[in-house]
Amino acid sequence: MIFSLFGYIFYLIAVVAGYFAAYGILIQVFPDYGVFHVIVGSVVSLMFFPLIPLYPGIVLGDWSLAVICYLSILIGVILTKQGSKVK
């Protein structure tokens, strides 16, 4: 159970890294964004959070969010699988 909990925490870290990357894209595309842009951006970011950190990496050369996102997903998968083996 503890492995699964830590796995979900790492998944949450990956989603937060995706949201930070999406917020950077939102500021670049819509400098004077409103509530509608935030709501639509949040839904789209949640659907595509593993792909969004690739944009700052490819365009701006800032790979930190992509590394955090993908390492968190990797660790989350490992811990969740380990948690299912322990039962």
C-alpha atoms as a PDB file:
ATOM      1  CA  MET A   1       0.000   0.000   0.000  1.00  0.00           C
ATOM      2  CA  ILE A   2       2.792   2.441   0.812  1.00  0.00           C
ATOM      3  CA  PHE A   3       4.412   1.791  -2.574  1.00  0.00           C
ATOM      4  CA  SER A   4       1.155   2.594  -4.338  1.00  0.00           C
ATOM      5  CA  LEU A   5       0.770   5.793  -2.332  1.00  0.00           C
ATOM      6  CA  PHE A   6       4.280   6.938  -3.233  1.00  0.00           C
ATOM      7  CA  GLY A   7       3.614   5.966  -6.859  1.00  0.00           C
ATOM      8  CA  TYR A   8       0.540   8.186  -6.962  1.00  0.00           C
ATOM      9  CA  ILE A   9       2.509  11.024  -5.373  1.00  0.00           C
ATOM     10  CA  PHE A  10       5.063  10.772  -8.180  1.00  0.00           C
ATOM     11  CA  TYR A  11       2.244  10.762 -10.738  1.00  0.00           C
ATOM     12  CA  LEU A  12       0.964  13.950  -9.122  1.00  0.00           C
ATOM     13  CA  ILE A  13       4.445  15.497  -9.427  1.00  0.00           C
ATOM     14  CA  ALA A  14       4.403  14.650 -13.147  1.00  0.00           C
ATOM     15  CA  VAL A  15       1.000  16.312 -13.581  1.00  0.00           C
ATOM     16  CA  VAL A  16       2.190  19.430 -11.736  1.00  0.00           C
ATOM     17  CA  ALA A  17       5.263  19.634 -13.993  1.00  0.00           C
ATOM     18  CA  GLY A  18       2.926  19.408 -16.996  1.00  0.00           C
ATOM     19  CA  TYR A  19       0.798  22.217 -15.567  1.00  0.00           C
ATOM     20  CA  PHE A  20       3.851  24.446 -15.068  1.00  0.00           C
ATOM     21  CA  ALA A  21       4.833  23.901 -18.686  1.00  0.00           C
ATOM     22  CA  ALA A  22       1.252  24.591 -19.814  1.00  0.00           C
ATOM     23  CA  TYR A  23       1.177  27.809 -17.802  1.00  0.00           C
ATOM     24  CA  GLY A  24       4.357  28.969 -19.551  1.00  0.00           C
ATOM     25  CA  ILE A  25       2.764  28.236 -22.920  1.00  0.00           C
ATOM     26  CA  LEU A  26      -0.444  30.041 -21.859  1.00  0.00           C
ATOM     27  CA  ILE A  27       1.512  33.172 -20.971  1.00  0.00           C
ATOM     28  CA  GLN A  28       3.336  33.080 -24.326  1.00  0.00           C
ATOM     29  CA  VAL A  29       0.210  32.546 -26.422  1.00  0.00           C
ATOM     30  CA  PHE A  30      -2.306  34.672 -24.478  1.00  0.00           C
ATOM     31  CA  PRO A  31      -0.524  37.368 -22.433  1.00  0.00           C
ATOM     32  CA  ASP A  32      -3.871  38.793 -21.282  1.00  0.00           C
ATOM     33  CA  TYR A  33      -5.588  35.480 -20.553  1.00  0.00           C
ATOM     34  CA  GLY A  34      -8.970  35.194 -18.856  1.00  0.00           C
ATOM     35  CA  VAL A  35     -10.984  32.629 -16.949  1.00  0.00           C
ATOM     36  CA  PHE A  36     -12.056  30.838 -20.129  1.00  0.00           C
ATOM     37  CA  HIS A  37      -8.439  30.352 -21.215  1.00  0.00           C
ATOM     38  CA  VAL A  38      -7.501  28.968 -17.804  1.00  0.00           C
ATOM     39  CA  ILE A  39     -10.413  26.490 -17.758  1.00  0.00           C
ATOM     40  CA  VAL A  40      -9.815  25.227 -21.294  1.00  0.00           C
ATOM     41  CA  GLY A  41      -6.063  25.135 -20.706  1.00  0.00           C
ATOM     42  CA  SER A  42      -6.509  23.118 -17.510  1.00  0.00           C
ATOM     43  CA  VAL A  43      -8.648  20.481 -19.208  1.00  0.00           C
ATOM     44  CA  VAL A  44      -6.318  20.190 -22.193  1.00  0.00           C
ATOM     45  CA  SER A  45      -3.271  20.121 -19.923  1.00  0.00           C
ATOM     46  CA  LEU A  46      -4.697  17.268 -17.897  1.00  0.00           C
ATOM     47  CA  MET A  47      -5.321  15.249 -21.052  1.00  0.00           C
ATOM     48  CA  PHE A  48      -1.890  15.855 -22.593  1.00  0.00           C
ATOM     49  CA  PHE A  49       0.363  16.482 -19.579  1.00  0.00           C
ATOM     50  CA  PRO A  50       3.137  14.103 -20.726  1.00  0.00           C
ATOM     51  CA  LEU A  51       3.465  15.868 -24.083  1.00  0.00           C
ATOM     52  CA  ILE A  52       3.277  19.485 -22.941  1.00  0.00           C
ATOM     53  CA  PRO A  53       6.753  19.660 -21.292  1.00  0.00           C
ATOM     54  CA  LEU A  54       8.303  18.763 -24.641  1.00  0.00           C
ATOM     55  CA  TYR A  55       7.406  22.198 -26.047  1.00  0.00           C
ATOM     56  CA  PRO A  56       9.701  24.232 -23.742  1.00  0.00           C
ATOM     57  CA  GLY A  57      12.398  21.627 -24.277  1.00  0.00           C
ATOM     58  CA  ILE A  58      12.320  21.739 -28.052  1.00  0.00           C
ATOM     59  CA  VAL A  59      11.545  25.426 -28.585  1.00  0.00           C
ATOM     60  CA  LEU A  60      13.277  27.115 -25.650  1.00  0.00           C
ATOM     61  CA  GLY A  61      15.911  24.511 -24.790  1.00  0.00           C
ATOM     62  CA  ASP A  62      14.603  24.182 -21.209  1.00  0.00           C
ATOM     63  CA  TRP A  63      14.350  20.442 -20.614  1.00  0.00           C
ATOM     64  CA  SER A  64      13.966  20.623 -16.829  1.00  0.00           C
ATOM     65  CA  LEU A  65      10.164  20.182 -16.763  1.00  0.00           C
ATOM     66  CA  ALA A  66      10.321  17.313 -19.253  1.00  0.00           C
ATOM     67  CA  VAL A  67      12.975  15.539 -17.186  1.00  0.00           C
ATOM     68  CA  ILE A  68      10.968  16.018 -13.983  1.00  0.00           C
ATOM     69  CA  CYS A  69       7.757  14.831 -15.661  1.00  0.00           C
ATOM     70  CA  TYR A  70       9.194  11.711 -17.284  1.00  0.00           C
ATOM     71  CA  LEU A  71      11.315  10.672 -14.313  1.00  0.00           C
ATOM     72  CA  SER A  72       8.300  11.069 -12.037  1.00  0.00           C
ATOM     73  CA  ILE A  73       6.200   8.902 -14.337  1.00  0.00           C
ATOM     74  CA  LEU A  74       8.972   6.290 -14.456  1.00  0.00           C
ATOM     75  CA  ILE A  75       9.356   6.202 -10.667  1.00  0.00           C
ATOM     76  CA  GLY A  76       5.564   6.169 -10.249  1.00  0.00           C
ATOM     77  CA  VAL A  77       5.228   3.164 -12.542  1.00  0.00           C
ATOM     78  CA  ILE A  78       8.025   1.312 -10.748  1.00  0.00           C
ATOM     79  CA  LEU A  79       6.592   1.995  -7.292  1.00  0.00           C
ATOM     80  CA  THR A  80       3.035   1.111  -8.311  1.00  0.00           C
ATOM     81  CA  LYS A  81       4.213  -2.179  -9.843  1.00  0.00           C
ATOM     82  CA  GLN A  82       6.224  -2.910  -6.706  1.00  0.00           C
ATOM     83  CA  GLY A  83       3.138  -2.218  -4.614  1.00  0.00           C
ATOM     84  CA  SER A  84       1.096  -4.717  -6.588  1.00  0.00           C
ATOM     85  CA  LYS A  85       3.779  -7.406  -6.116  1.00  0.00           C
ATOM     86  CA  VAL A  86       3.881  -6.999  -2.334  1.00  0.00           C
ATOM     87  CA  LYS A  87       0.193  -7.884  -1.841  1.00  0.00           C
END
